[in-house]
PDB file of N, CA and C in Angstrom:
ATOM      1  N   MET A   1     154.731 157.760 134.817  1.00  0.00           N
ATOM      2  CA  MET A   1     155.295 156.444 135.027  1.00  0.00           C
ATOM      3  C   MET A   1     154.238 155.353 134.828  1.00  0.00           C
ATOM      4  N   LEU A   2     153.056 155.596 135.339  1.00  0.00           N
ATOM      5  CA  LEU A   2     151.991 154.626 135.195  1.00  0.00           C
ATOM      6  C   LEU A   2     151.564 154.477 133.742  1.00  0.00           C
ATOM      7  N   SER A   3     151.559 155.560 132.978  1.00  0.00           N
ATOM      8  CA  SER A   3     151.187 155.479 131.567  1.00  0.00           C
ATOM      9  C   SER A   3     152.221 154.696 130.769  1.00  0.00           C
ATOM     10  N   GLN A   4     153.482 154.813 131.138  1.00  0.00           N
ATOM     11  CA  GLN A   4     154.514 154.037 130.451  1.00  0.00           C
ATOM     12  C   GLN A   4     154.350 152.538 130.731  1.00  0.00           C
ATOM     13  N   PHE A   5     153.919 152.214 131.933  1.00  0.00           N
ATOM     14  CA  PHE A   5     153.700 150.819 132.294  1.00  0.00           C
ATOM     15  C   PHE A   5     152.590 150.213 131.428  1.00  0.00           C
ATOM     16  N   PHE A   6     151.498 150.947 131.231  1.00  0.00           N
ATOM     17  CA  PHE A   6     150.399 150.455 130.399  1.00  0.00           C
ATOM     18  C   PHE A   6     150.809 150.306 128.943  1.00  0.00           C
ATOM     19  N   ILE A   7     151.629 151.239 128.468  1.00  0.00           N
ATOM     20  CA  ILE A   7     152.089 151.162 127.084  1.00  0.00           C
ATOM     21  C   ILE A   7     152.952 149.919 126.886  1.00  0.00           C
ATOM     22  N   VAL A   8     153.849 149.671 127.818  1.00  0.00           N
ATOM     23  CA  VAL A   8     154.703 148.493 127.734  1.00  0.00           C
ATOM     24  C   VAL A   8     153.852 147.230 127.823  1.00  0.00           C
ATOM     25  N   LEU A   9     152.880 147.229 128.702  1.00  0.00           N
ATOM     26  CA  LEU A   9     152.007 146.081 128.867  1.00  0.00           C
ATOM     27  C   LEU A   9     151.192 145.819 127.599  1.00  0.00           C
ATOM     28  N   ILE A  10     150.705 146.857 126.965  1.00  0.00           N
ATOM     29  CA  ILE A  10     149.971 146.719 125.714  1.00  0.00           C
ATOM     30  C   ILE A  10     150.881 146.182 124.621  1.00  0.00           C
ATOM     31  N   LEU A  11     152.091 146.655 124.550  1.00  0.00           N
ATOM     32  CA  LEU A  11     153.035 146.175 123.546  1.00  0.00           C
ATOM     33  C   LEU A  11     153.347 144.694 123.738  1.00  0.00           C
ATOM     34  N   ILE A  12     153.453 144.293 124.983  1.00  0.00           N
ATOM     35  CA  ILE A  12     153.754 142.884 125.245  1.00  0.00           C
ATOM     36  C   ILE A  12     152.611 141.999 124.742  1.00  0.00           C
ATOM     37  N   PHE A  13     151.376 142.369 125.044  1.00  0.00           N
ATOM     38  CA  PHE A  13     150.243 141.545 124.640  1.00  0.00           C
ATOM     39  C   PHE A  13     149.962 141.609 123.146  1.00  0.00           C
ATOM     40  N   THR A  14     150.222 142.746 122.523  1.00  0.00           N
ATOM     41  CA  THR A  14     149.957 142.833 121.097  1.00  0.00           C
ATOM     42  C   THR A  14     151.076 142.232 120.263  1.00  0.00           C
ATOM     43  N   SER A  15     152.245 142.067 120.808  1.00  0.00           N
ATOM     44  CA  SER A  15     153.334 141.500 120.034  1.00  0.00           C
ATOM     45  C   SER A  15     153.214 139.984 119.908  1.00  0.00           C
ATOM     46  N   PHE A  16     152.470 139.351 120.787  1.00  0.00           N
ATOM     47  CA  PHE A  16     152.249 137.915 120.692  1.00  0.00           C
ATOM     48  C   PHE A  16     151.039 137.655 119.806  1.00  0.00           C
ATOM     49  N   ASN A  17     151.217 136.805 118.866  1.00  0.00           N
ATOM     50  CA  ASN A  17     150.125 136.449 117.978  1.00  0.00           C
ATOM     51  C   ASN A  17     149.883 134.946 118.130  1.00  0.00           C
ATOM     52  N   ILE A  18     149.110 134.608 119.133  1.00  0.00           N
ATOM     53  CA  ILE A  18     148.878 133.200 119.435  1.00  0.00           C
ATOM     54  C   ILE A  18     147.707 132.712 118.591  1.00  0.00           C
ATOM     55  N   ILE A  19     147.981 131.786 117.721  1.00  0.00           N
ATOM     56  CA  ILE A  19     146.939 131.192 116.892  1.00  0.00           C
ATOM     57  C   ILE A  19     146.863 129.723 117.251  1.00  0.00           C
ATOM     58  N   GLN A  20     145.724 129.346 117.774  1.00  0.00           N
ATOM     59  CA  GLN A  20     145.525 127.947 118.132  1.00  0.00           C
ATOM     60  C   GLN A  20     144.313 127.445 117.364  1.00  0.00           C
ATOM     61  N   THR A  21     144.546 126.524 116.479  1.00  0.00           N
ATOM     62  CA  THR A  21     143.426 125.966 115.723  1.00  0.00           C
ATOM     63  C   THR A  21     143.035 124.639 116.356  1.00  0.00           C
ATOM     64  N   ILE A  22     141.813 124.590 116.777  1.00  0.00           N
ATOM     65  CA  ILE A  22     141.287 123.371 117.368  1.00  0.00           C
ATOM     66  C   ILE A  22     140.244 122.828 116.409  1.00  0.00           C
ATOM     67  N   GLU A  23     140.476 121.644 115.891  1.00  0.00           N
ATOM     68  CA  GLU A  23     139.541 121.042 114.949  1.00  0.00           C
ATOM     69  C   GLU A  23     138.739 119.973 115.673  1.00  0.00           C
ATOM     70  N   PHE A  24     137.437 120.125 115.623  1.00  0.00           N
ATOM     71  CA  PHE A  24     136.548 119.143 116.217  1.00  0.00           C
ATOM     72  C   PHE A  24     135.884 118.365 115.095  1.00  0.00           C
ATOM     73  N   GLY A  25     136.079 117.089 115.056  1.00  0.00           N
ATOM     74  CA  GLY A  25     135.407 116.277 114.062  1.00  0.00           C
ATOM     75  C   GLY A  25     136.364 115.565 113.130  1.00  0.00           C
ATOM     76  N   CYS A  26     135.774 115.045 112.056  1.00  0.00           N
ATOM     77  CA  CYS A  26     136.518 114.257 111.079  1.00  0.00           C
ATOM     78  C   CYS A  26     136.193 114.751 109.682  1.00  0.00           C
ATOM     79  N   GLU A  27     137.131 114.566 108.776  1.00  0.00           N
ATOM     80  CA  GLU A  27     136.900 114.942 107.388  1.00  0.00           C
ATOM     81  C   GLU A  27     136.958 113.695 106.517  1.00  0.00           C
ATOM     82  N   HIS A  28     135.934 113.560 105.662  1.00  0.00           N
ATOM     83  CA  HIS A  28     135.876 112.428 104.740  1.00  0.00           C
ATOM     84  C   HIS A  28     135.279 112.918 103.433  1.00  0.00           C
ATOM     85  N   ASN A  29     135.984 112.700 102.346  1.00  0.00           N
ATOM     86  CA  ASN A  29     135.541 113.160 101.015  1.00  0.00           C
ATOM     87  C   ASN A  29     135.182 114.644 101.015  1.00  0.00           C
ATOM     88  N   SER A  30     136.046 115.450 101.595  1.00  0.00           N
ATOM     89  CA  SER A  30     135.897 116.913 101.659  1.00  0.00           C
ATOM     90  C   SER A  30     134.685 117.369 102.462  1.00  0.00           C
ATOM     91  N   THR A  31     134.142 116.522 103.303  1.00  0.00           N
ATOM     92  CA  THR A  31     133.037 116.893 104.186  1.00  0.00           C
ATOM     93  C   THR A  31     133.494 116.712 105.621  1.00  0.00           C
ATOM     94  N   THR A  32     133.222 117.714 106.471  1.00  0.00           N
ATOM     95  CA  THR A  32     133.583 117.642 107.877  1.00  0.00           C
ATOM     96  C   THR A  32     132.375 117.185 108.683  1.00  0.00           C
ATOM     97  N   TYR A  33     132.593 116.181 109.528  1.00  0.00           N
ATOM     98  CA  TYR A  33     131.539 115.632 110.373  1.00  0.00           C
ATOM     99  C   TYR A  33     131.901 115.875 111.836  1.00  0.00           C
ATOM    100  N   PRO A  34     130.952 116.344 112.649  1.00  0.00           N
ATOM    101  CA  PRO A  34     131.213 116.518 114.084  1.00  0.00           C
ATOM    102  C   PRO A  34     131.430 115.167 114.766  1.00  0.00           C
ATOM    103  N   ILE A  35     132.069 115.185 115.921  1.00  0.00           N
ATOM    104  CA  ILE A  35     132.303 113.968 116.696  1.00  0.00           C
ATOM    105  C   ILE A  35     130.957 113.332 117.039  1.00  0.00           C
ATOM    106  N   ASP A  36     130.903 112.017 117.000  1.00  0.00           N
ATOM    107  CA  ASP A  36     129.717 111.190 117.270  1.00  0.00           C
ATOM    108  C   ASP A  36     128.665 111.255 116.170  1.00  0.00           C
ATOM    109  N   THR A  37     129.017 111.784 115.005  1.00  0.00           N
ATOM    110  CA  THR A  37     128.087 111.820 113.878  1.00  0.00           C
ATOM    111  C   THR A  37     128.267 110.560 113.040  1.00  0.00           C
ATOM    112  N   GLU A  38     127.147 109.997 112.574  1.00  0.00           N
ATOM    113  CA  GLU A  38     127.183 108.840 111.677  1.00  0.00           C
ATOM    114  C   GLU A  38     126.669 109.242 110.309  1.00  0.00           C
ATOM    115  N   TRP A  39     127.234 108.640 109.269  1.00  0.00           N
ATOM    116  CA  TRP A  39     126.775 108.881 107.901  1.00  0.00           C
ATOM    117  C   TRP A  39     126.930 107.593 107.108  1.00  0.00           C
ATOM    118  N   THR A  40     126.211 107.528 106.000  1.00  0.00           N
ATOM    119  CA  THR A  40     126.198 106.324 105.175  1.00  0.00           C
ATOM    120  C   THR A  40     126.960 106.569 103.886  1.00  0.00           C
ATOM    121  N   LEU A  41     127.831 105.636 103.546  1.00  0.00           N
ATOM    122  CA  LEU A  41     128.531 105.672 102.267  1.00  0.00           C
ATOM    123  C   LEU A  41     127.709 104.838 101.294  1.00  0.00           C
ATOM    124  N   SER A  42     126.973 105.504 100.434  1.00  0.00           N
ATOM    125  CA  SER A  42     126.061 104.781  99.544  1.00  0.00           C
ATOM    126  C   SER A  42     126.799 103.901  98.543  1.00  0.00           C
ATOM    127  N   GLU A  43     128.002 104.308  98.168  1.00  0.00           N
ATOM    128  CA  GLU A  43     128.724 103.534  97.159  1.00  0.00           C
ATOM    129  C   GLU A  43     129.271 102.220  97.700  1.00  0.00           C
ATOM    130  N   SER A  44     129.389 102.096  99.026  1.00  0.00           N
ATOM    131  CA  SER A  44     129.950 100.861  99.573  1.00  0.00           C
ATOM    132  C   SER A  44     129.057 100.205 100.620  1.00  0.00           C
ATOM    133  N   CYS A  45     127.854 100.731 100.824  1.00  0.00           N
ATOM    134  CA  CYS A  45     126.905 100.162 101.787  1.00  0.00           C
ATOM    135  C   CYS A  45     127.500 100.071 103.188  1.00  0.00           C
ATOM    136  N   GLN A  46     128.213 101.087 103.585  1.00  0.00           N
ATOM    137  CA  GLN A  46     128.795 101.130 104.918  1.00  0.00           C
ATOM    138  C   GLN A  46     128.276 102.346 105.681  1.00  0.00           C
ATOM    139  N   THR A  47     128.256 102.210 107.012  1.00  0.00           N
ATOM    140  CA  THR A  47     127.937 103.315 107.898  1.00  0.00           C
ATOM    141  C   THR A  47     129.224 103.692 108.617  1.00  0.00           C
ATOM    142  N   CYS A  48     129.535 104.990 108.630  1.00  0.00           N
ATOM    143  CA  CYS A  48     130.760 105.462 109.269  1.00  0.00           C
ATOM    144  C   CYS A  48     130.408 106.357 110.448  1.00  0.00           C
ATOM    145  N   LYS A  49     131.319 106.437 111.410  1.00  0.00           N
ATOM    146  CA  LYS A  49     131.126 107.277 112.586  1.00  0.00           C
ATOM    147  C   LYS A  49     132.422 108.003 112.886  1.00  0.00           C
ATOM    148  N   CYS A  50     132.290 109.290 113.235  1.00  0.00           N
ATOM    149  CA  CYS A  50     133.441 110.110 113.607  1.00  0.00           C
ATOM    150  C   CYS A  50     133.664 109.985 115.106  1.00  0.00           C
ATOM    151  N   LEU A  51     134.834 109.492 115.479  1.00  0.00           N
ATOM    152  CA  LEU A  51     135.215 109.417 116.881  1.00  0.00           C
ATOM    153  C   LEU A  51     136.142 110.579 117.199  1.00  0.00           C
ATOM    154  N   SER A  52     136.528 110.710 118.441  1.00  0.00           N
ATOM    155  CA  SER A  52     137.446 111.788 118.809  1.00  0.00           C
ATOM    156  C   SER A  52     138.806 111.561 118.161  1.00  0.00           C
ATOM    157  N   ASN A  53     139.620 112.582 118.137  1.00  0.00           N
ATOM    158  CA  ASN A  53     140.971 112.539 117.565  1.00  0.00           C
ATOM    159  C   ASN A  53     140.970 112.214 116.076  1.00  0.00           C
ATOM    160  N   LYS A  54     139.930 112.633 115.358  1.00  0.00           N
ATOM    161  CA  LYS A  54     139.849 112.482 113.904  1.00  0.00           C
ATOM    162  C   LYS A  54     139.858 111.023 113.445  1.00  0.00           C
ATOM    163  N   ILE A  55     139.358 110.131 114.268  1.00  0.00           N
ATOM    164  CA  ILE A  55     139.310 108.716 113.909  1.00  0.00           C
ATOM    165  C   ILE A  55     137.935 108.403 113.334  1.00  0.00           C
ATOM    166  N   ILE A  56     137.913 107.763 112.175  1.00  0.00           N
ATOM    167  CA  ILE A  56     136.672 107.361 111.527  1.00  0.00           C
ATOM    168  C   ILE A  56     136.630 105.838 111.496  1.00  0.00           C
ATOM    169  N   ILE A  57     135.522 105.278 111.983  1.00  0.00           N
ATOM    170  CA  ILE A  57     135.332 103.833 111.860  1.00  0.00           C
ATOM    171  C   ILE A  57     134.149 103.595 110.924  1.00  0.00           C
ATOM    172  N   CYS A  58     134.292 102.614 110.055  1.00  0.00           N
ATOM    173  CA  CYS A  58     133.224 102.268 109.114  1.00  0.00           C
ATOM    174  C   CYS A  58     132.925 100.783 109.249  1.00  0.00           C
ATOM    175  N   ARG A  59     131.655 100.451 109.137  1.00  0.00           N
ATOM    176  CA  ARG A  59     131.247  99.049 109.195  1.00  0.00           C
ATOM    177  C   ARG A  59     130.133  98.826 108.185  1.00  0.00           C
ATOM    178  N   ASN A  60     129.985  97.588 107.759  1.00  0.00           N
ATOM    179  CA  ASN A  60     128.927  97.252 106.812  1.00  0.00           C
ATOM    180  C   ASN A  60     127.570  97.507 107.448  1.00  0.00           C
ATOM    181  N   ARG A  61     126.651  98.037 106.651  1.00  0.00           N
ATOM    182  CA  ARG A  61     125.301  98.293 107.149  1.00  0.00           C
ATOM    183  C   ARG A  61     124.613  96.982 107.480  1.00  0.00           C
ATOM    184  N   THR A  62     123.803  97.001 108.521  1.00  0.00           N
ATOM    185  CA  THR A  62     122.998  95.836 108.847  1.00  0.00           C
ATOM    186  C   THR A  62     121.617  96.028 108.231  1.00  0.00           C
ATOM    187  N   CYS A  63     121.096  94.973 107.675  1.00  0.00           N
ATOM    188  CA  CYS A  63     119.811  95.041 106.978  1.00  0.00           C
ATOM    189  C   CYS A  63     118.749  94.278 107.759  1.00  0.00           C
ATOM    190  N   GLN A  64     117.545  94.811 107.732  1.00  0.00           N
ATOM    191  CA  GLN A  64     116.384  94.095 108.260  1.00  0.00           C
ATOM    192  C   GLN A  64     115.828  93.257 107.111  1.00  0.00           C
ATOM    193  N   ILE A  65     116.275  92.032 107.014  1.00  0.00           N
ATOM    194  CA  ILE A  65     115.876  91.166 105.904  1.00  0.00           C
ATOM    195  C   ILE A  65     114.565  90.469 106.266  1.00  0.00           C
ATOM    196  N   PRO A  66     113.547  90.610 105.422  1.00  0.00           N
ATOM    197  CA  PRO A  66     112.272  89.933 105.697  1.00  0.00           C
ATOM    198  C   PRO A  66     112.458  88.418 105.741  1.00  0.00           C
ATOM    199  N   LYS A  67     111.793  87.777 106.702  1.00  0.00           N
ATOM    200  CA  LYS A  67     111.895  86.318 106.807  1.00  0.00           C
ATOM    201  C   LYS A  67     111.144  85.632 105.674  1.00  0.00           C
ATOM    202  N   ASP A  68     109.958  86.108 105.400  1.00  0.00           N
ATOM    203  CA  ASP A  68     109.131  85.514 104.353  1.00  0.00           C
ATOM    204  C   ASP A  68     108.531  86.622 103.502  1.00  0.00           C
ATOM    205  N   CYS A  69     108.520  86.410 102.213  1.00  0.00           N
ATOM    206  CA  CYS A  69     107.845  87.334 101.303  1.00  0.00           C
ATOM    207  C   CYS A  69     106.441  86.797 101.044  1.00  0.00           C
ATOM    208  N   ARG A  70     105.539  87.678 100.664  1.00  0.00           N
ATOM    209  CA  ARG A  70     104.169  87.261 100.365  1.00  0.00           C
ATOM    210  C   ARG A  70     104.135  86.439  99.081  1.00  0.00           C
ATOM    211  N   MET A  71     103.008  85.792  98.866  1.00  0.00           N
ATOM    212  CA  MET A  71     102.839  84.997  97.651  1.00  0.00           C
ATOM    213  C   MET A  71     102.957  85.911  96.439  1.00  0.00           C
ATOM    214  N   GLY A  72     103.737  85.497  95.457  1.00  0.00           N
ATOM    215  CA  GLY A  72     103.951  86.307  94.265  1.00  0.00           C
ATOM    216  C   GLY A  72     105.106  87.284  94.404  1.00  0.00           C
ATOM    217  N   GLU A  73     105.828  87.213  95.538  1.00  0.00           N
ATOM    218  CA  GLU A  73     106.995  88.073  95.758  1.00  0.00           C
ATOM    219  C   GLU A  73     108.217  87.216  96.028  1.00  0.00           C
ATOM    220  N   GLN A  74     109.376  87.814  95.806  1.00  0.00           N
ATOM    221  CA  GLN A  74     110.637  87.152  96.117  1.00  0.00           C
ATOM    222  C   GLN A  74     111.607  88.192  96.656  1.00  0.00           C
ATOM    223  N   LEU A  75     112.607  87.722  97.369  1.00  0.00           N
ATOM    224  CA  LEU A  75     113.627  88.595  97.936  1.00  0.00           C
ATOM    225  C   LEU A  75     114.599  89.000  96.836  1.00  0.00           C
ATOM    226  N   THR A  76     114.741  90.302  96.578  1.00  0.00           N
ATOM    227  CA  THR A  76     115.632  90.789  95.521  1.00  0.00           C
ATOM    228  C   THR A  76     116.449  91.962  96.028  1.00  0.00           C
ATOM    229  N   LEU A  77     117.590  92.158  95.405  1.00  0.00           N
ATOM    230  CA  LEU A  77     118.457  93.296  95.695  1.00  0.00           C
ATOM    231  C   LEU A  77     118.418  94.217  94.487  1.00  0.00           C
ATOM    232  N   LYS A  78     117.798  95.369  94.664  1.00  0.00           N
ATOM    233  CA  LYS A  78     117.662  96.319  93.559  1.00  0.00           C
ATOM    234  C   LYS A  78     118.975  97.055  93.332  1.00  0.00           C
ATOM    235  N   ALA A  79     119.210  97.486  92.104  1.00  0.00           N
ATOM    236  CA  ALA A  79     120.427  98.228  91.762  1.00  0.00           C
ATOM    237  C   ALA A  79     120.490  99.510  92.587  1.00  0.00           C
ATOM    238  N   GLY A  80     121.646  99.781  93.173  1.00  0.00           N
ATOM    239  CA  GLY A  80     121.843 100.981  93.972  1.00  0.00           C
ATOM    240  C   GLY A  80     121.362 100.855  95.405  1.00  0.00           C
ATOM    241  N   SER A  81     120.857  99.690  95.775  1.00  0.00           N
ATOM    242  CA  SER A  81     120.359  99.468  97.129  1.00  0.00           C
ATOM    243  C   SER A  81     121.313  98.542  97.871  1.00  0.00           C
ATOM    244  N   CYS A  82     121.393  98.708  99.172  1.00  0.00           N
ATOM    245  CA  CYS A  82     122.284  97.871  99.973  1.00  0.00           C
ATOM    246  C   CYS A  82     121.581  96.658 100.570  1.00  0.00           C
ATOM    247  N   CYS A  83     120.288  96.788 100.803  1.00  0.00           N
ATOM    248  CA  CYS A  83     119.552  95.731 101.487  1.00  0.00           C
ATOM    249  C   CYS A  83     118.472  95.145 100.583  1.00  0.00           C
ATOM    250  N   PRO A  84     118.301  93.823 100.626  1.00  0.00           N
ATOM    251  CA  PRO A  84     117.263  93.201  99.801  1.00  0.00           C
ATOM    252  C   PRO A  84     115.865  93.474 100.359  1.00  0.00           C
ATOM    253  N   THR A  85     114.881  93.478  99.465  1.00  0.00           N
ATOM    254  CA  THR A  85     113.482  93.678  99.842  1.00  0.00           C
ATOM    255  C   THR A  85     112.619  92.678  99.078  1.00  0.00           C
ATOM    256  N   CYS A  86     111.391  92.530  99.531  1.00  0.00           N
ATOM    257  CA  CYS A  86     110.430  91.691  98.808  1.00  0.00           C
ATOM    258  C   CYS A  86     109.869  92.489  97.647  1.00  0.00           C
ATOM    259  N   SER A  87     109.904  91.905  96.469  1.00  0.00           N
ATOM    260  CA  SER A  87     109.352  92.580  95.289  1.00  0.00           C
ATOM    261  C   SER A  87     108.630  91.540  94.431  1.00  0.00           C
ATOM    262  N   PRO A  88     107.711  91.996  93.582  1.00  0.00           N
ATOM    263  CA  PRO A  88     106.927  91.055  92.771  1.00  0.00           C
ATOM    264  C   PRO A  88     107.814  90.186  91.883  1.00  0.00           C
ATOM    265  N   ILE A  89     107.406  88.938  91.752  1.00  0.00           N
ATOM    266  CA  ILE A  89     108.115  88.006  90.875  1.00  0.00           C
ATOM    267  C   ILE A  89     107.759  88.353  89.436  1.00  0.00           C
ATOM    268  N   ARG A  90     108.765  88.546  88.628  1.00  0.00           N
ATOM    269  CA  ARG A  90     108.562  88.867  87.208  1.00  0.00           C
ATOM    270  C   ARG A  90     108.867  87.616  86.403  1.00  0.00           C
ATOM    271  N   ARG A  91     107.844  86.830  86.143  1.00  0.00           N
ATOM    272  CA  ARG A  91     108.061  85.624  85.348  1.00  0.00           C
ATOM    273  C   ARG A  91     106.882  85.451  84.400  1.00  0.00           C
ATOM    274  N   SER A  92     107.073  84.604  83.452  1.00  0.00           N
ATOM    275  CA  SER A  92     105.997  84.346  82.490  1.00  0.00           C
ATOM    276  C   SER A  92     105.732  82.849  82.427  1.00  0.00           C
ATOM    277  N   CYS A  93     104.572  82.518  81.958  1.00  0.00           N
ATOM    278  CA  CYS A  93     104.233  81.118  81.740  1.00  0.00           C
ATOM    279  C   CYS A  93     103.502  81.015  80.403  1.00  0.00           C
ATOM    280  N   LEU A  94     103.324  79.814  79.953  1.00  0.00           N
ATOM    281  CA  LEU A  94     102.673  79.613  78.652  1.00  0.00           C
ATOM    282  C   LEU A  94     101.220  79.190  78.843  1.00  0.00           C
ATOM    283  N   TYR A  95     100.353  79.770  78.031  1.00  0.00           N
ATOM    284  CA  TYR A  95      98.961  79.347  77.963  1.00  0.00           C
ATOM    285  C   TYR A  95      98.581  79.320  76.490  1.00  0.00           C
ATOM    286  N   ASP A  96      98.272  78.179  75.979  1.00  0.00           N
ATOM    287  CA  ASP A  96      97.999  78.002  74.542  1.00  0.00           C
ATOM    288  C   ASP A  96      99.130  78.556  73.683  1.00  0.00           C
ATOM    289  N   SER A  97     100.381  78.209  74.053  1.00  0.00           N
ATOM    290  CA  SER A  97     101.592  78.635  73.339  1.00  0.00           C
ATOM    291  C   SER A  97     101.806  80.150  73.349  1.00  0.00           C
ATOM    292  N   THR A  98     101.156  80.866  74.272  1.00  0.00           N
ATOM    293  CA  THR A  98     101.346  82.315  74.391  1.00  0.00           C
ATOM    294  C   THR A  98     101.972  82.615  75.749  1.00  0.00           C
ATOM    295  N   ALA A  99     103.039  83.410  75.754  1.00  0.00           N
ATOM    296  CA  ALA A  99     103.686  83.783  77.009  1.00  0.00           C
ATOM    297  C   ALA A  99     102.824  84.808  77.739  1.00  0.00           C
ATOM    298  N   ILE A 100     102.542  84.514  78.993  1.00  0.00           N
ATOM    299  CA  ILE A 100     101.749  85.412  79.834  1.00  0.00           C
ATOM    300  C   ILE A 100     102.645  85.858  80.980  1.00  0.00           C
ATOM    301  N   LEU A 101     102.684  87.172  81.230  1.00  0.00           N
ATOM    302  CA  LEU A 101     103.600  87.703  82.238  1.00  0.00           C
ATOM    303  C   LEU A 101     103.137  87.376  83.651  1.00  0.00           C
ATOM    304  N   VAL A 102     101.897  87.634  83.988  1.00  0.00           N
ATOM    305  CA  VAL A 102     101.416  87.402  85.351  1.00  0.00           C
ATOM    306  C   VAL A 102     100.535  86.160  85.336  1.00  0.00           C
ATOM    307  N   CYS A 103     101.133  85.025  85.647  1.00  0.00           N
ATOM    308  CA  CYS A 103     100.445  83.740  85.498  1.00  0.00           C
ATOM    309  C   CYS A 103      99.382  83.518  86.557  1.00  0.00           C
ATOM    310  N   TYR A 104      99.700  83.806  87.813  1.00  0.00           N
ATOM    311  CA  TYR A 104      98.793  83.415  88.888  1.00  0.00           C
ATOM    312  C   TYR A 104      97.473  84.175  88.853  1.00  0.00           C
ATOM    313  N   GLN A 105      97.430  85.371  88.268  1.00  0.00           N
ATOM    314  CA  GLN A 105      96.174  86.108  88.164  1.00  0.00           C
ATOM    315  C   GLN A 105      95.333  85.575  87.007  1.00  0.00           C
ATOM    316  N   LEU A 106      95.955  85.280  85.885  1.00  0.00           N
ATOM    317  CA  LEU A 106      95.220  84.827  84.712  1.00  0.00           C
ATOM    318  C   LEU A 106      94.801  83.369  84.820  1.00  0.00           C
ATOM    319  N   TYR A 107      95.478  82.611  85.637  1.00  0.00           N
ATOM    320  CA  TYR A 107      95.141  81.198  85.800  1.00  0.00           C
ATOM    321  C   TYR A 107      93.692  81.038  86.254  1.00  0.00           C
ATOM    322  N   PHE A 108      93.276  81.877  87.198  1.00  0.00           N
ATOM    323  CA  PHE A 108      91.915  81.779  87.715  1.00  0.00           C
ATOM    324  C   PHE A 108      90.883  82.210  86.676  1.00  0.00           C
ATOM    325  N   LEU A 109      91.260  83.090  85.768  1.00  0.00           N
ATOM    326  CA  LEU A 109      90.331  83.518  84.727  1.00  0.00           C
ATOM    327  C   LEU A 109      90.034  82.389  83.749  1.00  0.00           C
ATOM    328  N   PHE A 110      91.057  81.609  83.419  1.00  0.00           N
ATOM    329  CA  PHE A 110      90.896  80.557  82.420  1.00  0.00           C
ATOM    330  C   PHE A 110      90.362  79.257  83.013  1.00  0.00           C
ATOM    331  N   ASN A 111      90.429  79.094  84.319  1.00  0.00           N
ATOM    332  CA  ASN A 111      90.018  77.832  84.937  1.00  0.00           C
ATOM    333  C   ASN A 111      88.757  77.993  85.784  1.00  0.00           C
ATOM    334  N   LYS A 112      87.787  78.717  85.327  1.00  0.00           N
ATOM    335  CA  LYS A 112      86.526  78.860  86.070  1.00  0.00           C
ATOM    336  C   LYS A 112      85.544  77.796  85.667  1.00  0.00           C
TER     337      LYS A 112
END
């Protein structure tokens, strides 16, 4: 009698096929991110964060913009970059009807 009870009990538990899929995180562009993870979308200069319940929030990246660039530099936004940086000024000037690319360095050579 006791063996029949165990057999029935085993049948009851094996006949139920409980499948519970619990997904933690968010999916964006076929990539799964865990909750509280941040990532950068390079194509749109945004930072995104995965919140609970598969909610993704995205916001524009904040940039540390230099207040002043050094002499001979200017604030520029390079291709493929989200934030501007100080980079050398690319300009030319004329000296004896000849275009010179870096004027401020050569000026001192000619005016000694």
